[in-house]
Amino acid sequence: MGMPMELNTMIVTKGNEVREQENVFSLTKAGYRLYPIDIPIDVRKTIQSDSSGTAVIQKVEWTNEKTTITYQLISLNSTN
């Protein structure tokens, strides 16, 4: 059977992102997920929240029923 693939069109962090460099982050999610690479997509803390910025995903890794993405934040929306 295997795990179903999920297509994600935004990055939803739930506050679990890890800063790798100044504007580069990694995020690990349960399950196998497909993400668009090399195009700007929305970053949100939750699915319902407003966009917190825009990022470009540089790398997607699938291991042990988890997906880890590495992404570069290219713009940040101010949270007033």
PDB file of N, CA and C in Angstrom:
ATOM      1  N   MET A   1       0.828  -1.205   0.000  1.00  0.00           N
ATOM      2  CA  MET A   1       0.000   0.000   0.000  1.00  0.00           C
ATOM      3  C   MET A   1       0.861   1.252   0.000  1.00  0.00           C
ATOM      4  N   GLY A   2       1.663   1.468   1.043  1.00  0.00           N
ATOM      5  CA  GLY A   2       2.471   2.680   1.128  1.00  0.00           C
ATOM      6  C   GLY A   2       1.641   3.875   1.568  1.00  0.00           C
ATOM      7  N   MET A   3       2.333   4.937   1.828  1.00  0.00           N
ATOM      8  CA  MET A   3       1.653   6.144   2.282  1.00  0.00           C
ATOM      9  C   MET A   3       1.198   6.957   1.087  1.00  0.00           C
ATOM     10  N   PRO A   4       0.022   7.592   1.198  1.00  0.00           N
ATOM     11  CA  PRO A   4      -0.417   8.461   0.103  1.00  0.00           C
ATOM     12  C   PRO A   4       0.478   9.698   0.023  1.00  0.00           C
ATOM     13  N   MET A   5       0.624  10.203  -1.195  1.00  0.00           N
ATOM     14  CA  MET A   5       1.355  11.444  -1.408  1.00  0.00           C
ATOM     15  C   MET A   5       0.405  12.610  -1.219  1.00  0.00           C
ATOM     16  N   GLU A   6       0.898  13.654  -0.574  1.00  0.00           N
ATOM     17  CA  GLU A   6       0.081  14.846  -0.407  1.00  0.00           C
ATOM     18  C   GLU A   6       0.760  15.984  -1.149  1.00  0.00           C
ATOM     19  N   LEU A   7      -0.010  16.741  -1.932  1.00  0.00           N
ATOM     20  CA  LEU A   7       0.545  17.889  -2.650  1.00  0.00           C
ATOM     21  C   LEU A   7       0.322  19.141  -1.821  1.00  0.00           C
ATOM     22  N   ASN A   8       1.400  19.819  -1.477  1.00  0.00           N
ATOM     23  CA  ASN A   8       1.303  21.042  -0.683  1.00  0.00           C
ATOM     24  C   ASN A   8       1.648  22.233  -1.559  1.00  0.00           C
ATOM     25  N   THR A   9       0.770  23.250  -1.541  1.00  0.00           N
ATOM     26  CA  THR A   9       1.004  24.431  -2.375  1.00  0.00           C
ATOM     27  C   THR A   9       1.421  25.623  -1.523  1.00  0.00           C
ATOM     28  N   MET A  10       1.617  25.406  -0.225  1.00  0.00           N
ATOM     29  CA  MET A  10       2.172  26.435   0.645  1.00  0.00           C
ATOM     30  C   MET A  10       2.968  25.734   1.739  1.00  0.00           C
ATOM     31  N   ILE A  11       3.803  26.493   2.427  1.00  0.00           N
ATOM     32  CA  ILE A  11       4.557  25.964   3.554  1.00  0.00           C
ATOM     33  C   ILE A  11       3.809  26.349   4.822  1.00  0.00           C
ATOM     34  N   VAL A  12       3.368  25.363   5.578  1.00  0.00           N
ATOM     35  CA  VAL A  12       2.675  25.622   6.842  1.00  0.00           C
ATOM     36  C   VAL A  12       3.603  25.167   7.968  1.00  0.00           C
ATOM     37  N   THR A  13       4.142  26.119   8.719  1.00  0.00           N
ATOM     38  CA  THR A  13       5.233  25.796   9.650  1.00  0.00           C
ATOM     39  C   THR A  13       4.761  25.282  11.005  1.00  0.00           C
ATOM     40  N   LYS A  14       3.597  25.765  11.472  1.00  0.00           N
ATOM     41  CA  LYS A  14       3.140  25.477  12.834  1.00  0.00           C
ATOM     42  C   LYS A  14       4.228  25.770  13.874  1.00  0.00           C
ATOM     43  N   GLY A  15       5.139  26.678  13.503  1.00  0.00           N
ATOM     44  CA  GLY A  15       6.196  27.074  14.429  1.00  0.00           C
ATOM     45  C   GLY A  15       7.318  26.063  14.565  1.00  0.00           C
ATOM     46  N   ASN A  16       7.370  25.064  13.681  1.00  0.00           N
ATOM     47  CA  ASN A  16       8.370  23.995  13.793  1.00  0.00           C
ATOM     48  C   ASN A  16       9.591  24.190  12.909  1.00  0.00           C
ATOM     49  N   GLU A  17       9.690  25.333  12.247  1.00  0.00           N
ATOM     50  CA  GLU A  17      10.820  25.541  11.347  1.00  0.00           C
ATOM     51  C   GLU A  17      12.111  25.725  12.146  1.00  0.00           C
ATOM     52  N   VAL A  18      13.222  25.328  11.546  1.00  0.00           N
ATOM     53  CA  VAL A  18      14.548  25.444  12.174  1.00  0.00           C
ATOM     54  C   VAL A  18      15.398  26.338  11.288  1.00  0.00           C
ATOM     55  N   ARG A  19      15.981  27.384  11.901  1.00  0.00           N
ATOM     56  CA  ARG A  19      16.830  28.294  11.128  1.00  0.00           C
ATOM     57  C   ARG A  19      18.184  27.633  10.855  1.00  0.00           C
ATOM     58  N   GLU A  20      18.537  27.530   9.565  1.00  0.00           N
ATOM     59  CA  GLU A  20      19.826  26.942   9.171  1.00  0.00           C
ATOM     60  C   GLU A  20      20.864  28.036   8.921  1.00  0.00           C
ATOM     61  N   GLN A  21      20.428  29.087   8.231  1.00  0.00           N
ATOM     62  CA  GLN A  21      21.258  30.255   7.976  1.00  0.00           C
ATOM     63  C   GLN A  21      20.362  31.465   8.149  1.00  0.00           C
ATOM     64  N   GLU A  22      20.880  32.644   7.822  1.00  0.00           N
ATOM     65  CA  GLU A  22      20.130  33.865   8.107  1.00  0.00           C
ATOM     66  C   GLU A  22      18.700  33.808   7.585  1.00  0.00           C
ATOM     67  N   ASN A  23      18.525  33.419   6.320  1.00  0.00           N
ATOM     68  CA  ASN A  23      17.166  33.381   5.779  1.00  0.00           C
ATOM     69  C   ASN A  23      16.836  32.020   5.173  1.00  0.00           C
ATOM     70  N   VAL A  24      17.526  30.990   5.628  1.00  0.00           N
ATOM     71  CA  VAL A  24      17.279  29.618   5.165  1.00  0.00           C
ATOM     72  C   VAL A  24      16.794  28.785   6.343  1.00  0.00           C
ATOM     73  N   PHE A  25      15.709  28.063   6.123  1.00  0.00           N
ATOM     74  CA  PHE A  25      15.083  27.275   7.185  1.00  0.00           C
ATOM     75  C   PHE A  25      14.852  25.850   6.707  1.00  0.00           C
ATOM     76  N   SER A  26      14.747  24.929   7.661  1.00  0.00           N
ATOM     77  CA  SER A  26      14.292  23.586   7.320  1.00  0.00           C
ATOM     78  C   SER A  26      13.055  23.275   8.144  1.00  0.00           C
ATOM     79  N   LEU A  27      12.244  22.387   7.613  1.00  0.00           N
ATOM     80  CA  LEU A  27      10.986  22.021   8.255  1.00  0.00           C
ATOM     81  C   LEU A  27      10.708  20.563   7.938  1.00  0.00           C
ATOM     82  N   THR A  28      10.397  19.781   8.972  1.00  0.00           N
ATOM     83  CA  THR A  28      10.066  18.368   8.785  1.00  0.00           C
ATOM     84  C   THR A  28       8.589  18.153   9.079  1.00  0.00           C
ATOM     85  N   LYS A  29       7.908  17.461   8.173  1.00  0.00           N
ATOM     86  CA  LYS A  29       6.483  17.167   8.303  1.00  0.00           C
ATOM     87  C   LYS A  29       6.283  15.657   8.213  1.00  0.00           C
ATOM     88  N   ALA A  30       5.250  15.169   8.886  1.00  0.00           N
ATOM     89  CA  ALA A  30       4.914  13.748   8.804  1.00  0.00           C
ATOM     90  C   ALA A  30       4.367  13.412   7.422  1.00  0.00           C
ATOM     91  N   GLY A  31       4.687  12.223   6.958  1.00  0.00           N
ATOM     92  CA  GLY A  31       4.162  11.752   5.679  1.00  0.00           C
ATOM     93  C   GLY A  31       5.014  12.219   4.506  1.00  0.00           C
ATOM     94  N   TYR A  32       4.693  11.711   3.346  1.00  0.00           N
ATOM     95  CA  TYR A  32       5.401  12.088   2.123  1.00  0.00           C
ATOM     96  C   TYR A  32       4.618  13.182   1.425  1.00  0.00           C
ATOM     97  N   ARG A  33       5.282  14.308   1.196  1.00  0.00           N
ATOM     98  CA  ARG A  33       4.605  15.457   0.611  1.00  0.00           C
ATOM     99  C   ARG A  33       5.374  15.967  -0.602  1.00  0.00           C
ATOM    100  N   LEU A  34       4.624  16.380  -1.594  1.00  0.00           N
ATOM    101  CA  LEU A  34       5.205  17.017  -2.772  1.00  0.00           C
ATOM    102  C   LEU A  34       5.101  18.527  -2.604  1.00  0.00           C
ATOM    103  N   TYR A  35       6.163  19.213  -2.940  1.00  0.00           N
ATOM    104  CA  TYR A  35       6.175  20.679  -2.899  1.00  0.00           C
ATOM    105  C   TYR A  35       6.725  21.193  -4.220  1.00  0.00           C
ATOM    106  N   PRO A  36       6.237  22.339  -4.668  1.00  0.00           N
ATOM    107  CA  PRO A  36       6.876  22.967  -5.835  1.00  0.00           C
ATOM    108  C   PRO A  36       8.248  23.491  -5.443  1.00  0.00           C
ATOM    109  N   ILE A  37       9.225  23.276  -6.308  1.00  0.00           N
ATOM    110  CA  ILE A  37      10.597  23.700  -6.034  1.00  0.00           C
ATOM    111  C   ILE A  37      10.950  24.851  -6.970  1.00  0.00           C
ATOM    112  N   ASP A  38      11.757  25.790  -6.462  1.00  0.00           N
ATOM    113  CA  ASP A  38      12.303  26.890  -7.268  1.00  0.00           C
ATOM    114  C   ASP A  38      11.267  27.908  -7.727  1.00  0.00           C
ATOM    115  N   ILE A  39      10.069  27.890  -7.127  1.00  0.00           N
ATOM    116  CA  ILE A  39       9.119  28.975  -7.410  1.00  0.00           C
ATOM    117  C   ILE A  39       8.641  29.536  -6.081  1.00  0.00           C
ATOM    118  N   PRO A  40       8.366  30.830  -6.013  1.00  0.00           N
ATOM    119  CA  PRO A  40       7.949  31.441  -4.747  1.00  0.00           C
ATOM    120  C   PRO A  40       6.586  30.911  -4.303  1.00  0.00           C
ATOM    121  N   ILE A  41       6.491  30.478  -3.048  1.00  0.00           N
ATOM    122  CA  ILE A  41       5.213  30.061  -2.485  1.00  0.00           C
ATOM    123  C   ILE A  41       5.025  30.695  -1.109  1.00  0.00           C
ATOM    124  N   ASP A  42       3.782  30.698  -0.670  1.00  0.00           N
ATOM    125  CA  ASP A  42       3.387  31.281   0.612  1.00  0.00           C
ATOM    126  C   ASP A  42       3.938  30.502   1.806  1.00  0.00           C
ATOM    127  N   VAL A  43       4.341  31.243   2.831  1.00  0.00           N
ATOM    128  CA  VAL A  43       4.683  30.632   4.111  1.00  0.00           C
ATOM    129  C   VAL A  43       3.645  31.094   5.130  1.00  0.00           C
ATOM    130  N   ARG A  44       3.055  30.152   5.853  1.00  0.00           N
ATOM    131  CA  ARG A  44       2.062  30.485   6.875  1.00  0.00           C
ATOM    132  C   ARG A  44       2.350  29.681   8.133  1.00  0.00           C
ATOM    133  N   LYS A  45       1.968  30.263   9.263  1.00  0.00           N
ATOM    134  CA  LYS A  45       2.132  29.534  10.528  1.00  0.00           C
ATOM    135  C   LYS A  45       1.090  28.417  10.630  1.00  0.00           C
ATOM    136  N   THR A  46      -0.153  28.725  10.251  1.00  0.00           N
ATOM    137  CA  THR A  46      -1.199  27.709  10.162  1.00  0.00           C
ATOM    138  C   THR A  46      -1.914  27.890   8.831  1.00  0.00           C
ATOM    139  N   ILE A  47      -2.701  26.901   8.439  1.00  0.00           N
ATOM    140  CA  ILE A  47      -3.413  26.999   7.159  1.00  0.00           C
ATOM    141  C   ILE A  47      -4.331  28.218   7.155  1.00  0.00           C
ATOM    142  N   GLN A  48      -4.933  28.518   8.312  1.00  0.00           N
ATOM    143  CA  GLN A  48      -5.898  29.624   8.386  1.00  0.00           C
ATOM    144  C   GLN A  48      -5.240  31.002   8.509  1.00  0.00           C
ATOM    145  N   SER A  49      -4.008  31.055   8.996  1.00  0.00           N
ATOM    146  CA  SER A  49      -3.394  32.364   9.277  1.00  0.00           C
ATOM    147  C   SER A  49      -3.025  33.098   7.994  1.00  0.00           C
ATOM    148  N   ASP A  50      -2.816  34.401   8.122  1.00  0.00           N
ATOM    149  CA  ASP A  50      -2.361  35.190   6.986  1.00  0.00           C
ATOM    150  C   ASP A  50      -0.948  34.759   6.598  1.00  0.00           C
ATOM    151  N   SER A  51      -0.592  35.032   5.359  1.00  0.00           N
ATOM    152  CA  SER A  51       0.754  34.720   4.887  1.00  0.00           C
ATOM    153  C   SER A  51       1.780  35.474   5.720  1.00  0.00           C
ATOM    154  N   SER A  52       2.806  34.770   6.174  1.00  0.00           N
ATOM    155  CA  SER A  52       3.866  35.443   6.936  1.00  0.00           C
ATOM    156  C   SER A  52       5.042  35.812   6.039  1.00  0.00           C
ATOM    157  N   GLY A  53       5.015  35.326   4.793  1.00  0.00           N
ATOM    158  CA  GLY A  53       6.076  35.674   3.859  1.00  0.00           C
ATOM    159  C   GLY A  53       6.035  34.773   2.645  1.00  0.00           C
ATOM    160  N   THR A  54       7.085  34.893   1.844  1.00  0.00           N
ATOM    161  CA  THR A  54       7.221  34.106   0.622  1.00  0.00           C
ATOM    162  C   THR A  54       8.577  33.413   0.654  1.00  0.00           C
ATOM    163  N   ALA A  55       8.599  32.164   0.217  1.00  0.00           N
ATOM    164  CA  ALA A  55       9.849  31.402   0.237  1.00  0.00           C
ATOM    165  C   ALA A  55       9.989  30.619  -1.055  1.00  0.00           C
ATOM    166  N   VAL A  56      11.232  30.240  -1.333  1.00  0.00           N
ATOM    167  CA  VAL A  56      11.532  29.338  -2.438  1.00  0.00           C
ATOM    168  C   VAL A  56      12.141  28.074  -1.829  1.00  0.00           C
ATOM    169  N   ILE A  57      11.545  26.931  -2.127  1.00  0.00           N
ATOM    170  CA  ILE A  57      12.058  25.663  -1.612  1.00  0.00           C
ATOM    171  C   ILE A  57      13.242  25.222  -2.457  1.00  0.00           C
ATOM    172  N   GLN A  58      14.335  24.907  -1.776  1.00  0.00           N
ATOM    173  CA  GLN A  58      15.558  24.509  -2.468  1.00  0.00           C
ATOM    174  C   GLN A  58      15.734  23.000  -2.495  1.00  0.00           C
ATOM    175  N   LYS A  59      15.180  22.310  -1.499  1.00  0.00           N
ATOM    176  CA  LYS A  59      15.422  20.874  -1.391  1.00  0.00           C
ATOM    177  C   LYS A  59      14.260  20.208  -0.685  1.00  0.00           C
ATOM    178  N   VAL A  60      13.883  19.025  -1.161  1.00  0.00           N
ATOM    179  CA  VAL A  60      12.861  18.199  -0.513  1.00  0.00           C
ATOM    180  C   VAL A  60      13.468  16.820  -0.305  1.00  0.00           C
ATOM    181  N   GLU A  61      13.403  16.317   0.920  1.00  0.00           N
ATOM    182  CA  GLU A  61      13.936  14.981   1.222  1.00  0.00           C
ATOM    183  C   GLU A  61      12.841  14.122   1.832  1.00  0.00           C
ATOM    184  N   TRP A  62      12.751  12.871   1.367  1.00  0.00           N
ATOM    185  CA  TRP A  62      11.789  11.917   1.917  1.00  0.00           C
ATOM    186  C   TRP A  62      12.543  10.802   2.631  1.00  0.00           C
ATOM    187  N   THR A  63      12.318  10.672   3.926  1.00  0.00           N
ATOM    188  CA  THR A  63      12.919   9.574   4.677  1.00  0.00           C
ATOM    189  C   THR A  63      11.990   9.158   5.796  1.00  0.00           C
ATOM    190  N   ASN A  64      11.888   7.843   6.030  1.00  0.00           N
ATOM    191  CA  ASN A  64      11.157   7.301   7.179  1.00  0.00           C
ATOM    192  C   ASN A  64       9.766   7.908   7.346  1.00  0.00           C
ATOM    193  N   GLU A  65       9.020   7.985   6.249  1.00  0.00           N
ATOM    194  CA  GLU A  65       7.654   8.511   6.267  1.00  0.00           C
ATOM    195  C   GLU A  65       7.578   9.957   6.758  1.00  0.00           C
ATOM    196  N   LYS A  66       8.657  10.696   6.514  1.00  0.00           N
ATOM    197  CA  LYS A  66       8.689  12.126   6.816  1.00  0.00           C
ATOM    198  C   LYS A  66       9.202  12.870   5.591  1.00  0.00           C
ATOM    199  N   THR A  67       8.806  14.130   5.486  1.00  0.00           N
ATOM    200  CA  THR A  67       9.302  15.012   4.433  1.00  0.00           C
ATOM    201  C   THR A  67      10.021  16.175   5.093  1.00  0.00           C
ATOM    202  N   THR A  68      11.258  16.426   4.677  1.00  0.00           N
ATOM    203  CA  THR A  68      11.997  17.588   5.157  1.00  0.00           C
ATOM    204  C   THR A  68      12.247  18.515   3.979  1.00  0.00           C
ATOM    205  N   ILE A  69      11.846  19.772   4.145  1.00  0.00           N
ATOM    206  CA  ILE A  69      12.113  20.761   3.100  1.00  0.00           C
ATOM    207  C   ILE A  69      13.119  21.784   3.629  1.00  0.00           C
ATOM    208  N   THR A  70      13.939  22.284   2.724  1.00  0.00           N
ATOM    209  CA  THR A  70      14.839  23.397   3.021  1.00  0.00           C
ATOM    210  C   THR A  70      14.404  24.545   2.128  1.00  0.00           C
ATOM    211  N   TYR A  71      14.134  25.692   2.753  1.00  0.00           N
ATOM    212  CA  TYR A  71      13.598  26.805   1.961  1.00  0.00           C
ATOM    213  C   TYR A  71      14.260  28.115   2.367  1.00  0.00           C
ATOM    214  N   GLN A  72      14.301  29.016   1.397  1.00  0.00           N
ATOM    215  CA  GLN A  72      14.869  30.345   1.612  1.00  0.00           C
ATOM    216  C   GLN A  72      13.738  31.358   1.620  1.00  0.00           C
ATOM    217  N   LEU A  73      13.667  32.126   2.697  1.00  0.00           N
ATOM    218  CA  LEU A  73      12.674  33.187   2.809  1.00  0.00           C
ATOM    219  C   LEU A  73      13.123  34.335   1.914  1.00  0.00           C
ATOM    220  N   ILE A  74      12.266  34.732   0.974  1.00  0.00           N
ATOM    221  CA  ILE A  74      12.656  35.814   0.064  1.00  0.00           C
ATOM    222  C   ILE A  74      11.919  37.104   0.360  1.00  0.00           C
ATOM    223  N   SER A  75      10.792  37.014   1.074  1.00  0.00           N
ATOM    224  CA  SER A  75      10.140  38.237   1.554  1.00  0.00           C
ATOM    225  C   SER A  75       9.360  37.920   2.818  1.00  0.00           C
ATOM    226  N   LEU A  76       9.289  38.898   3.681  1.00  0.00           N
ATOM    227  CA  LEU A  76       8.629  38.736   4.969  1.00  0.00           C
ATOM    228  C   LEU A  76       7.524  39.768   5.064  1.00  0.00           C
ATOM    229  N   ASN A  77       6.340  39.307   5.428  1.00  0.00           N
ATOM    230  CA  ASN A  77       5.233  40.248   5.643  1.00  0.00           C
ATOM    231  C   ASN A  77       5.257  40.678   7.101  1.00  0.00           C
ATOM    232  N   SER A  78       5.192  41.960   7.335  1.00  0.00           N
ATOM    233  CA  SER A  78       5.232  42.447   8.714  1.00  0.00           C
ATOM    234  C   SER A  78       3.952  42.031   9.427  1.00  0.00           C
ATOM    235  N   THR A  79       4.084  41.597  10.683  1.00  0.00           N
ATOM    236  CA  THR A  79       2.920  41.219  11.459  1.00  0.00           C
ATOM    237  C   THR A  79       2.596  42.352  12.407  1.00  0.00           C
ATOM    238  N   ASN A  80       1.520  43.073  12.112  1.00  0.00           N
ATOM    239  CA  ASN A  80       1.146  44.236  12.923  1.00  0.00           C
ATOM    240  C   ASN A  80       0.215  43.822  14.037  1.00  0.00           C
TER     241      ASN A  80
END
